[in-house]
């Protein structure tokens, strides 16, 4: 997934909206980006994070494990569901 930067957009009514900036262009975040952002925000203050396989063709896609934040930053966990690729937050 390309690197994106989250920003706040305030519309004419004064309502705030989360948008993303990618390659210098702002756009509305996709459903998947919003779900991932919510997951990361919900981990705020927690010592446990969830790692999952995000490979579209993997039979184990959607499978996940929980590890401590420190452990997840130091170690790479591989998907055992069929693809053998690294699991991601």
Protein backbone atom coordinates (compact mmCIF):
# COMPACT_ATOMS: atom_id res chain seq x y z
CA UNK A 1 0.00 0.00 0.00
CA UNK A 2 1.43 3.41 -0.94
CA UNK A 3 2.33 5.82 1.83
CA UNK A 4 -0.46 8.23 2.67
CA UNK A 5 -0.73 11.18 5.01
CA UNK A 6 -3.90 11.72 7.05
CA UNK A 7 -5.29 15.26 7.20
CA UNK A 8 -8.36 17.05 8.54
CA UNK A 9 -10.64 18.89 6.15
CA UNK A 10 -13.19 21.36 7.55
CA UNK A 11 -16.15 21.92 5.22
CA UNK A 12 -18.19 25.11 4.82
CA UNK A 13 -20.52 24.06 7.66
CA UNK A 14 -17.58 23.70 10.05
CA UNK A 15 -17.74 19.89 10.11
CA UNK A 16 -14.41 18.05 10.27
CA UNK A 17 -13.59 15.14 7.96
CA UNK A 18 -10.59 12.85 7.77
CA UNK A 19 -9.04 12.77 4.31
CA UNK A 20 -5.82 11.38 2.94
CA UNK A 21 -3.10 12.99 0.90
CA UNK A 22 -1.30 10.73 -1.55
CA UNK A 23 1.32 11.94 -4.00
CA UNK A 24 0.38 15.54 -3.16
CA UNK A 25 -3.34 15.07 -3.95
CA UNK A 26 -6.07 15.00 -1.30
CA UNK A 27 -8.95 12.54 -1.53
CA UNK A 28 -11.57 10.80 0.58
CA UNK A 29 -10.19 7.70 2.31
CA UNK A 30 -11.33 4.29 1.10
CA UNK A 31 -13.35 2.02 3.35
CA UNK A 32 -10.30 -0.20 3.90
CA UNK A 33 -8.11 2.79 4.83
CA UNK A 34 -10.75 3.98 7.31
CA UNK A 35 -11.04 0.52 8.86
CA UNK A 36 -7.25 0.29 9.21
CA UNK A 37 -7.07 3.79 10.74
CA UNK A 38 -9.80 2.89 13.26
CA UNK A 39 -7.96 -0.28 14.20
CA UNK A 40 -4.71 1.62 14.77
CA UNK A 41 -6.44 4.38 16.74
CA UNK A 42 -8.17 1.80 18.93
CA UNK A 43 -4.73 0.34 19.75
CA UNK A 44 -3.64 3.72 21.15
CA UNK A 45 -2.58 3.25 24.72
CA UNK A 46 -2.70 -0.53 24.47
CA UNK A 47 0.35 -2.75 24.77
CA UNK A 48 -1.22 -5.31 22.42
CA UNK A 49 -1.46 -4.99 18.62
CA UNK A 50 -3.10 -7.22 16.03
CA UNK A 51 -1.09 -8.55 13.09
CA UNK A 52 -2.90 -10.01 10.10
CA UNK A 53 -2.33 -11.45 6.65
CA UNK A 54 -3.35 -8.94 3.99
CA UNK A 55 -2.35 -10.96 0.91
CA UNK A 56 -5.45 -11.03 -1.32
CA UNK A 57 -4.76 -14.49 -2.76
CA UNK A 58 -3.87 -16.15 0.55
CA UNK A 59 -6.25 -18.85 1.77
CA UNK A 60 -5.58 -17.56 5.29
CA UNK A 61 -6.35 -13.89 4.47
CA UNK A 62 -8.04 -12.23 7.39
CA UNK A 63 -6.37 -14.48 9.94
CA UNK A 64 -4.71 -12.59 12.77
CA UNK A 65 -2.55 -12.89 15.86
CA UNK A 66 -2.07 -10.55 18.80
CA UNK A 67 1.37 -9.61 20.08
CA UNK A 68 2.75 -6.97 22.38
CA UNK A 69 3.62 -3.71 20.65
CA UNK A 70 7.30 -4.14 21.51
CA UNK A 71 7.38 -7.71 20.25
CA UNK A 72 5.66 -6.73 16.98
CA UNK A 73 8.25 -4.01 16.31
CA UNK A 74 11.20 -6.35 16.94
CA UNK A 75 9.98 -9.53 15.20
CA UNK A 76 8.50 -10.38 11.82
CA UNK A 77 5.68 -12.91 11.92
CA UNK A 78 4.99 -14.99 8.83
CA UNK A 79 1.51 -16.07 7.71
CA UNK A 80 0.99 -19.75 8.34
CA UNK A 81 -2.30 -19.76 6.41
CA UNK A 82 -0.76 -20.59 3.07
CA UNK A 83 1.21 -17.69 1.62
CA UNK A 84 4.20 -17.39 3.98
CA UNK A 85 4.30 -13.59 3.63
CA UNK A 86 4.87 -11.20 6.57
CA UNK A 87 1.85 -10.30 8.67
CA UNK A 88 1.07 -6.58 9.03
CA UNK A 89 -0.71 -4.25 11.44
